[in-house]
Amino acid sequence: MYAAPITRNGETAGPAVFLSELNHPTANDAAPTVRTDGKEIWFHRGAPAGGLGLADLWVSTRRNANDPWSTPENPGAPLNSVAFDQQPSLSFDGQTLVWTSNRPGSVSAPNGLPSLDIWMSTRTVSGR
């Protein structure tokens, strides 16, 4: 993943910078979604990266939008499963996360295999 500085008008203000703190050296890190305050990022990471399944959701935080990201953490189950959990998207208020998964319980495709369905989780009062 990379980040590029932008102006208030949305124009790029410099070259994209590789975010080494977020990228795994051998796994595919993709589909980032950033909370509107810039303090939390969710993305999916493919195997092999110490996850539960073939692709897992990962999260990283920082104190303010200009600080480096923390080491990404795998939140584990029930957000992740032994299947593909990918393409996270945070709601505008940062309270709801939706993603696609072909975990057990997903609707079967016409060929009988699990399809990618949309799954959702909402934060509790504790923020987890």
Foldseek 3Di string as FASTA:
>chain_A
DWDFDADPVGHTDDDIGDQVLEDDPPWDWDQWEAAPQQFKIKFKIAPPDPAQARIAIWMWGDPGNPDRTHRIDGPHPPQDHRWHWGNWYADNNRFKIKTWTQDPVADADPVRGRDTDIDMDGADPVRD
